[in-house]
Structure formats: C-alpha cells, structure tokens
C-alpha cells in the first residue's frame, strides 16, 4: 500500500480540507483536517479514520499515526 492510496481512501470517505500522508510502505503518518472531527474526542476521530480505511487497517497498514484537526484547530496551528 502506498501513501497516495491511503490519501485517496481518506479523501473519498469523508469531507476533508487537508489530507497529507507520509510513510515507508507499512508505517504511515497522516495529517487530516475535516469538519467531521468537530465535537468528537481524539479516539472517536481515530475510529472514524480507521472505519474509512476498512480492511486495509487489518491487512495492508502495519502502523498509522494520526494527527486530526477541525478546521478551527488547524487554523490556530498555523
């Protein structure tokens, strides 16, 4: 699995403003900014991303580090 495939899966599965994915083929890092994260805890945000990735999380992705932000949180990071 490559970073472009993961990025596409996330973009197709939820409304996003920003999606960046880096990795080495088994270990990945994703930065996601989405309105879907509003009002959700960190665990709920991660579960949402995992659900979008589906079976790939079990079969193709060994490790995924997530940084999840609402649009407002993202703006305050800049």
PDB file of N, CA and C in Angstrom:
ATOM      1  N   UNK A   1       0.855  -1.178   0.000  1.00  0.00           N
ATOM      2  CA  UNK A   1       0.000   0.000   0.000  1.00  0.00           C
ATOM      3  C   UNK A   1       0.897   1.236   0.000  1.00  0.00           C
ATOM      4  N   UNK A   2       0.508   2.237  -0.777  1.00  0.00           N
ATOM      5  CA  UNK A   2       1.318   3.451  -0.792  1.00  0.00           C
ATOM      6  C   UNK A   2       0.538   4.641  -0.237  1.00  0.00           C
ATOM      7  N   UNK A   3       1.256   5.729  -0.035  1.00  0.00           N
ATOM      8  CA  UNK A   3       0.658   6.915   0.588  1.00  0.00           C
ATOM      9  C   UNK A   3      -0.474   7.505  -0.244  1.00  0.00           C
ATOM     10  N   UNK A   4      -0.341   7.457  -1.565  1.00  0.00           N
ATOM     11  CA  UNK A   4      -1.386   8.010  -2.432  1.00  0.00           C
ATOM     12  C   UNK A   4      -2.693   7.235  -2.286  1.00  0.00           C
ATOM     13  N   UNK A   5      -2.590   5.920  -2.157  1.00  0.00           N
ATOM     14  CA  UNK A   5      -3.779   5.085  -1.999  1.00  0.00           C
ATOM     15  C   UNK A   5      -4.494   5.391  -0.680  1.00  0.00           C
ATOM     16  N   UNK A   6      -3.733   5.533   0.391  1.00  0.00           N
ATOM     17  CA  UNK A   6      -4.324   5.866   1.688  1.00  0.00           C
ATOM     18  C   UNK A   6      -4.972   7.243   1.628  1.00  0.00           C
ATOM     19  N   UNK A   7      -4.276   8.222   1.036  1.00  0.00           N
ATOM     20  CA  UNK A   7      -4.804   9.583   0.900  1.00  0.00           C
ATOM     21  C   UNK A   7      -6.124   9.575   0.138  1.00  0.00           C
ATOM     22  N   UNK A   8      -6.176   8.833  -0.951  1.00  0.00           N
ATOM     23  CA  UNK A   8      -7.389   8.749  -1.763  1.00  0.00           C
ATOM     24  C   UNK A   8      -8.537   8.120  -0.976  1.00  0.00           C
ATOM     25  N   UNK A   9      -8.244   7.062  -0.230  1.00  0.00           N
ATOM     26  CA  UNK A   9      -9.286   6.405   0.567  1.00  0.00           C
ATOM     27  C   UNK A   9      -9.872   7.368   1.598  1.00  0.00           C
ATOM     28  N   UNK A  10      -9.010   8.130   2.259  1.00  0.00           N
ATOM     29  CA  UNK A  10      -9.495   9.091   3.259  1.00  0.00           C
ATOM     30  C   UNK A  10     -10.303  10.191   2.589  1.00  0.00           C
ATOM     31  N   UNK A  11      -9.789  10.725   1.493  1.00  0.00           N
ATOM     32  CA  UNK A  11     -10.491  11.804   0.782  1.00  0.00           C
ATOM     33  C   UNK A  11     -11.850  11.353   0.267  1.00  0.00           C
ATOM     34  N   UNK A  12     -11.950  10.110  -0.179  1.00  0.00           N
ATOM     35  CA  UNK A  12     -13.220   9.598  -0.694  1.00  0.00           C
ATOM     36  C   UNK A  12     -14.201   9.237   0.410  1.00  0.00           C
ATOM     37  N   UNK A  13     -13.694   8.982   1.610  1.00  0.00           N
ATOM     38  CA  UNK A  13     -14.542   8.504   2.688  1.00  0.00           C
ATOM     39  C   UNK A  13     -15.077   9.545   3.629  1.00  0.00           C
ATOM     40  N   UNK A  14     -14.539  10.751   3.582  1.00  0.00           N
ATOM     41  CA  UNK A  14     -15.011  11.792   4.494  1.00  0.00           C
ATOM     42  C   UNK A  14     -14.660  13.162   3.940  1.00  0.00           C
ATOM     43  N   UNK A  15     -15.443  14.179   4.325  1.00  0.00           N
ATOM     44  CA  UNK A  15     -15.135  15.525   3.835  1.00  0.00           C
ATOM     45  C   UNK A  15     -13.861  16.039   4.496  1.00  0.00           C
ATOM     46  N   UNK A  16     -12.951  16.488   3.686  1.00  0.00           N
ATOM     47  CA  UNK A  16     -11.664  16.949   4.181  1.00  0.00           C
ATOM     48  C   UNK A  16     -11.305  18.297   3.597  1.00  0.00           C
ATOM     49  N   UNK A  17     -10.530  19.014   4.353  1.00  0.00           N
ATOM     50  CA  UNK A  17      -9.927  20.228   3.844  1.00  0.00           C
ATOM     51  C   UNK A  17      -8.463  19.985   3.521  1.00  0.00           C
ATOM     52  N   UNK A  18      -7.813  19.142   4.330  1.00  0.00           N
ATOM     53  CA  UNK A  18      -6.398  18.840   4.149  1.00  0.00           C
ATOM     54  C   UNK A  18      -6.177  17.366   4.459  1.00  0.00           C
ATOM     55  N   UNK A  19      -5.454  16.674   3.598  1.00  0.00           N
ATOM     56  CA  UNK A  19      -5.009  15.312   3.881  1.00  0.00           C
ATOM     57  C   UNK A  19      -3.577  15.196   3.381  1.00  0.00           C
ATOM     58  N   UNK A  20      -2.667  14.873   4.287  1.00  0.00           N
ATOM     59  CA  UNK A  20      -1.276  14.601   3.917  1.00  0.00           C
ATOM     60  C   UNK A  20      -0.909  13.257   4.516  1.00  0.00           C
ATOM     61  N   UNK A  21      -0.302  12.388   3.716  1.00  0.00           N
ATOM     62  CA  UNK A  21       0.108  11.065   4.185  1.00  0.00           C
ATOM     63  C   UNK A  21       1.557  10.834   3.785  1.00  0.00           C
ATOM     64  N   UNK A  22       2.366  10.420   4.751  1.00  0.00           N
ATOM     65  CA  UNK A  22       3.749  10.040   4.517  1.00  0.00           C
ATOM     66  C   UNK A  22       3.945   8.628   5.036  1.00  0.00           C
ATOM     67  N   UNK A  23       4.941   7.921   4.523  1.00  0.00           N
ATOM     68  CA  UNK A  23       5.207   6.593   5.039  1.00  0.00           C
ATOM     69  C   UNK A  23       6.203   5.823   4.214  1.00  0.00           C
ATOM     70  N   UNK A  24       6.509   4.619   4.714  1.00  0.00           N
ATOM     71  CA  UNK A  24       7.522   3.785   4.085  1.00  0.00           C
ATOM     72  C   UNK A  24       6.965   2.496   3.477  1.00  0.00           C
ATOM     73  N   UNK A  25       5.651   2.374   3.377  1.00  0.00           N
ATOM     74  CA  UNK A  25       5.043   1.185   2.813  1.00  0.00           C
ATOM     75  C   UNK A  25       4.314   0.333   3.826  1.00  0.00           C
ATOM     76  N   UNK A  26       4.710   0.422   5.095  1.00  0.00           N
ATOM     77  CA  UNK A  26       3.993  -0.289   6.160  1.00  0.00           C
ATOM     78  C   UNK A  26       3.684   0.624   7.338  1.00  0.00           C
ATOM     79  N   UNK A  27       4.539   1.594   7.588  1.00  0.00           N
ATOM     80  CA  UNK A  27       4.326   2.557   8.664  1.00  0.00           C
ATOM     81  C   UNK A  27       4.000   3.912   8.033  1.00  0.00           C
ATOM     82  N   UNK A  28       2.884   4.495   8.469  1.00  0.00           N
ATOM     83  CA  UNK A  28       2.414   5.729   7.850  1.00  0.00           C
ATOM     84  C   UNK A  28       2.059   6.783   8.899  1.00  0.00           C
ATOM     85  N   UNK A  29       2.104   8.041   8.469  1.00  0.00           N
ATOM     86  CA  UNK A  29       1.648   9.177   9.266  1.00  0.00           C
ATOM     87  C   UNK A  29       0.662   9.955   8.413  1.00  0.00           C
ATOM     88  N   UNK A  30      -0.476  10.307   9.008  1.00  0.00           N
ATOM     89  CA  UNK A  30      -1.477  11.076   8.270  1.00  0.00           C
ATOM     90  C   UNK A  30      -1.875  12.311   9.066  1.00  0.00           C
ATOM     91  N   UNK A  31      -1.952  13.413   8.375  1.00  0.00           N
ATOM     92  CA  UNK A  31      -2.476  14.664   8.923  1.00  0.00           C
ATOM     93  C   UNK A  31      -3.794  14.907   8.209  1.00  0.00           C
ATOM     94  N   UNK A  32      -4.877  15.031   8.982  1.00  0.00           N
ATOM     95  CA  UNK A  32      -6.206  15.184   8.386  1.00  0.00           C
ATOM     96  C   UNK A  32      -6.929  16.349   9.062  1.00  0.00           C
ATOM     97  N   UNK A  33      -7.453  17.243   8.251  1.00  0.00           N
ATOM     98  CA  UNK A  33      -8.281  18.341   8.736  1.00  0.00           C
ATOM     99  C   UNK A  33      -9.662  18.145   8.134  1.00  0.00           C
ATOM    100  N   UNK A  34     -10.677  18.014   8.989  1.00  0.00           N
ATOM    101  CA  UNK A  34     -12.022  17.737   8.497  1.00  0.00           C
ATOM    102  C   UNK A  34     -13.076  18.291   9.446  1.00  0.00           C
ATOM    103  N   UNK A  35     -14.190  18.719   8.874  1.00  0.00           N
ATOM    104  CA  UNK A  35     -15.326  19.144   9.679  1.00  0.00           C
ATOM    105  C   UNK A  35     -15.948  17.956  10.413  1.00  0.00           C
ATOM    106  N   UNK A  36     -15.685  16.739   9.942  1.00  0.00           N
ATOM    107  CA  UNK A  36     -16.203  15.522  10.590  1.00  0.00           C
ATOM    108  C   UNK A  36     -15.676  15.363  12.013  1.00  0.00           C
ATOM    109  N   UNK A  37     -14.571  16.016  12.343  1.00  0.00           N
ATOM    110  CA  UNK A  37     -13.968  15.868  13.663  1.00  0.00           C
ATOM    111  C   UNK A  37     -14.577  16.792  14.715  1.00  0.00           C
ATOM    112  N   UNK A  38     -15.402  17.733  14.283  1.00  0.00           N
ATOM    113  CA  UNK A  38     -15.992  18.683  15.229  1.00  0.00           C
ATOM    114  C   UNK A  38     -16.858  17.965  16.254  1.00  0.00           C
ATOM    115  N   UNK A  39     -16.599  18.243  17.529  1.00  0.00           N
ATOM    116  CA  UNK A  39     -17.370  17.651  18.615  1.00  0.00           C
ATOM    117  C   UNK A  39     -16.988  16.225  18.957  1.00  0.00           C
ATOM    118  N   UNK A  40     -15.923  15.699  18.320  1.00  0.00           N
ATOM    119  CA  UNK A  40     -15.508  14.317  18.570  1.00  0.00           C
ATOM    120  C   UNK A  40     -14.212  14.286  19.389  1.00  0.00           C
ATOM    121  N   UNK A  41     -14.102  13.272  20.241  1.00  0.00           N
ATOM    122  CA  UNK A  41     -12.875  13.073  21.008  1.00  0.00           C
ATOM    123  C   UNK A  41     -11.785  12.549  20.078  1.00  0.00           C
ATOM    124  N   UNK A  42     -10.566  12.520  20.580  1.00  0.00           N
ATOM    125  CA  UNK A  42      -9.450  12.007  19.797  1.00  0.00           C
ATOM    126  C   UNK A  42      -9.694  10.553  19.386  1.00  0.00           C
ATOM    127  N   UNK A  43     -10.176   9.744  20.292  1.00  0.00           N
ATOM    128  CA  UNK A  43     -10.453   8.335  19.981  1.00  0.00           C
ATOM    129  C   UNK A  43     -11.551   8.217  18.925  1.00  0.00           C
ATOM    130  N   UNK A  44     -12.599   9.026  19.044  1.00  0.00           N
ATOM    131  CA  UNK A  44     -13.675   8.995  18.048  1.00  0.00           C
ATOM    132  C   UNK A  44     -13.162   9.408  16.671  1.00  0.00           C
ATOM    133  N   UNK A  45     -12.255  10.371  16.635  1.00  0.00           N
ATOM    134  CA  UNK A  45     -11.674  10.813  15.363  1.00  0.00           C
ATOM    135  C   UNK A  45     -10.875   9.682  14.724  1.00  0.00           C
ATOM    136  N   UNK A  46     -10.060   9.014  15.543  1.00  0.00           N
ATOM    137  CA  UNK A  46      -9.242   7.917  15.020  1.00  0.00           C
ATOM    138  C   UNK A  46     -10.117   6.773  14.528  1.00  0.00           C
ATOM    139  N   UNK A  47     -11.165   6.449  15.267  1.00  0.00           N
ATOM    140  CA  UNK A  47     -12.080   5.382  14.853  1.00  0.00           C
ATOM    141  C   UNK A  47     -12.739   5.728  13.523  1.00  0.00           C
ATOM    142  N   UNK A  48     -13.058   6.992  13.327  1.00  0.00           N
ATOM    143  CA  UNK A  48     -13.666   7.428  12.074  1.00  0.00           C
ATOM    144  C   UNK A  48     -12.709   7.191  10.904  1.00  0.00           C
ATOM    145  N   UNK A  49     -11.456   7.565  11.078  1.00  0.00           N
ATOM    146  CA  UNK A  49     -10.468   7.347  10.017  1.00  0.00           C
ATOM    147  C   UNK A  49     -10.268   5.854   9.778  1.00  0.00           C
ATOM    148  N   UNK A  50     -10.154   5.069  10.848  1.00  0.00           N
ATOM    149  CA  UNK A  50      -9.987   3.618  10.701  1.00  0.00           C
ATOM    150  C   UNK A  50     -11.163   3.003   9.954  1.00  0.00           C
ATOM    151  N   UNK A  51     -12.374   3.494  10.219  1.00  0.00           N
ATOM    152  CA  UNK A  51     -13.544   2.936   9.529  1.00  0.00           C
ATOM    153  C   UNK A  51     -13.500   3.241   8.033  1.00  0.00           C
ATOM    154  N   UNK A  52     -12.993   4.412   7.675  1.00  0.00           N
ATOM    155  CA  UNK A  52     -12.852   4.783   6.270  1.00  0.00           C
ATOM    156  C   UNK A  52     -11.828   3.877   5.578  1.00  0.00           C
ATOM    157  N   UNK A  53     -10.771   3.519   6.295  1.00  0.00           N
ATOM    158  CA  UNK A  53      -9.724   2.676   5.713  1.00  0.00           C
ATOM    159  C   UNK A  53     -10.100   1.199   5.701  1.00  0.00           C
ATOM    160  N   UNK A  54     -11.084   0.817   6.516  1.00  0.00           N
ATOM    161  CA  UNK A  54     -11.629  -0.535   6.494  1.00  0.00           C
ATOM    162  C   UNK A  54     -10.600  -1.636   6.663  1.00  0.00           C
ATOM    163  N   UNK A  55     -10.677  -2.643   5.796  1.00  0.00           N
ATOM    164  CA  UNK A  55      -9.814  -3.816   5.883  1.00  0.00           C
ATOM    165  C   UNK A  55      -8.336  -3.501   5.665  1.00  0.00           C
ATOM    166  N   UNK A  56      -8.044  -2.380   5.029  1.00  0.00           N
ATOM    167  CA  UNK A  56      -6.642  -2.016   4.818  1.00  0.00           C
ATOM    168  C   UNK A  56      -5.913  -1.870   6.156  1.00  0.00           C
ATOM    169  N   UNK A  57      -6.636  -1.454   7.198  1.00  0.00           N
ATOM    170  CA  UNK A  57      -6.023  -1.322   8.518  1.00  0.00           C
ATOM    171  C   UNK A  57      -5.623  -2.679   9.080  1.00  0.00           C
ATOM    172  N   UNK A  58      -6.305  -3.717   8.691  1.00  0.00           N
ATOM    173  CA  UNK A  58      -6.006  -5.061   9.198  1.00  0.00           C
ATOM    174  C   UNK A  58      -4.997  -5.794   8.322  1.00  0.00           C
ATOM    175  N   UNK A  59      -5.035  -5.511   7.024  1.00  0.00           N
ATOM    176  CA  UNK A  59      -4.293  -6.326   6.073  1.00  0.00           C
ATOM    177  C   UNK A  59      -3.066  -5.663   5.453  1.00  0.00           C
ATOM    178  N   UNK A  60      -3.106  -4.350   5.261  1.00  0.00           N
ATOM    179  CA  UNK A  60      -2.043  -3.699   4.493  1.00  0.00           C
ATOM    180  C   UNK A  60      -1.251  -2.652   5.259  1.00  0.00           C
ATOM    181  N   UNK A  61      -1.851  -2.074   6.289  1.00  0.00           N
ATOM    182  CA  UNK A  61      -1.190  -0.999   7.029  1.00  0.00           C
ATOM    183  C   UNK A  61      -0.754  -1.549   8.382  1.00  0.00           C
ATOM    184  N   UNK A  62       0.541  -1.599   8.588  1.00  0.00           N
ATOM    185  CA  UNK A  62       1.056  -2.125   9.852  1.00  0.00           C
ATOM    186  C   UNK A  62       0.883  -1.113  10.984  1.00  0.00           C
ATOM    187  N   UNK A  63       1.168   0.153  10.697  1.00  0.00           N
ATOM    188  CA  UNK A  63       1.052   1.201  11.724  1.00  0.00           C
ATOM    189  C   UNK A  63       0.639   2.508  11.057  1.00  0.00           C
ATOM    190  N   UNK A  64      -0.243   3.230  11.735  1.00  0.00           N
ATOM    191  CA  UNK A  64      -0.716   4.515  11.228  1.00  0.00           C
ATOM    192  C   UNK A  64      -0.789   5.502  12.374  1.00  0.00           C
ATOM    193  N   UNK A  65       0.000   6.547  12.288  1.00  0.00           N
ATOM    194  CA  UNK A  65      -0.022   7.630  13.266  1.00  0.00           C
ATOM    195  C   UNK A  65      -0.912   8.733  12.707  1.00  0.00           C
ATOM    196  N   UNK A  66      -1.874   9.181  13.501  1.00  0.00           N
ATOM    197  CA  UNK A  66      -2.829  10.188  13.025  1.00  0.00           C
ATOM    198  C   UNK A  66      -2.693  11.499  13.785  1.00  0.00           C
ATOM    199  N   UNK A  67      -2.784  12.578  13.039  1.00  0.00           N
ATOM    200  CA  UNK A  67      -2.935  13.916  13.596  1.00  0.00           C
ATOM    201  C   UNK A  67      -4.220  14.445  12.988  1.00  0.00           C
ATOM    202  N   UNK A  68      -5.229  14.639  13.834  1.00  0.00           N
ATOM    203  CA  UNK A  68      -6.552  15.036  13.350  1.00  0.00           C
ATOM    204  C   UNK A  68      -6.934  16.387  13.923  1.00  0.00           C
ATOM    205  N   UNK A  69      -7.439  17.250  13.062  1.00  0.00           N
ATOM    206  CA  UNK A  69      -7.809  18.605  13.459  1.00  0.00           C
ATOM    207  C   UNK A  69      -9.144  19.007  12.834  1.00  0.00           C
ATOM    208  N   UNK A  70      -9.901  19.818  13.547  1.00  0.00           N
ATOM    209  CA  UNK A  70     -11.033  20.501  12.935  1.00  0.00           C
ATOM    210  C   UNK A  70     -10.449  21.684  12.158  1.00  0.00           C
ATOM    211  N   UNK A  71     -11.211  22.289  11.249  1.00  0.00           N
ATOM    212  CA  UNK A  71     -10.691  23.453  10.529  1.00  0.00           C
ATOM    213  C   UNK A  71     -10.243  24.575  11.484  1.00  0.00           C
ATOM    214  N   UNK A  72     -11.007  24.784  12.542  1.00  0.00           N
ATOM    215  CA  UNK A  72     -10.661  25.845  13.505  1.00  0.00           C
ATOM    216  C   UNK A  72      -9.350  25.519  14.224  1.00  0.00           C
ATOM    217  N   UNK A  73      -9.189  24.276  14.644  1.00  0.00           N
ATOM    218  CA  UNK A  73      -7.952  23.864  15.301  1.00  0.00           C
ATOM    219  C   UNK A  73      -6.761  24.005  14.359  1.00  0.00           C
ATOM    220  N   UNK A  74      -6.970  23.642  13.093  1.00  0.00           N
ATOM    221  CA  UNK A  74      -5.906  23.724  12.103  1.00  0.00           C
ATOM    222  C   UNK A  74      -5.458  25.160  11.899  1.00  0.00           C
ATOM    223  N   UNK A  75      -6.410  26.081  11.806  1.00  0.00           N
ATOM    224  CA  UNK A  75      -6.081  27.491  11.633  1.00  0.00           C
ATOM    225  C   UNK A  75      -5.268  28.021  12.807  1.00  0.00           C
ATOM    226  N   UNK A  76      -5.575  27.560  14.013  1.00  0.00           N
ATOM    227  CA  UNK A  76      -4.833  28.034  15.186  1.00  0.00           C
ATOM    228  C   UNK A  76      -3.425  27.423  15.260  1.00  0.00           C
ATOM    229  N   UNK A  77      -3.156  26.342  14.509  1.00  0.00           N
ATOM    230  CA  UNK A  77      -1.849  25.712  14.462  1.00  0.00           C
ATOM    231  C   UNK A  77      -0.868  26.498  13.585  1.00  0.00           C
ATOM    232  N   UNK A  78      -1.400  27.247  12.661  1.00  0.00           N
ATOM    233  CA  UNK A  78      -0.549  27.955  11.688  1.00  0.00           C
ATOM    234  C   UNK A  78       0.137  29.131  12.320  1.00  0.00           C
TER     235      UNK A  78
END
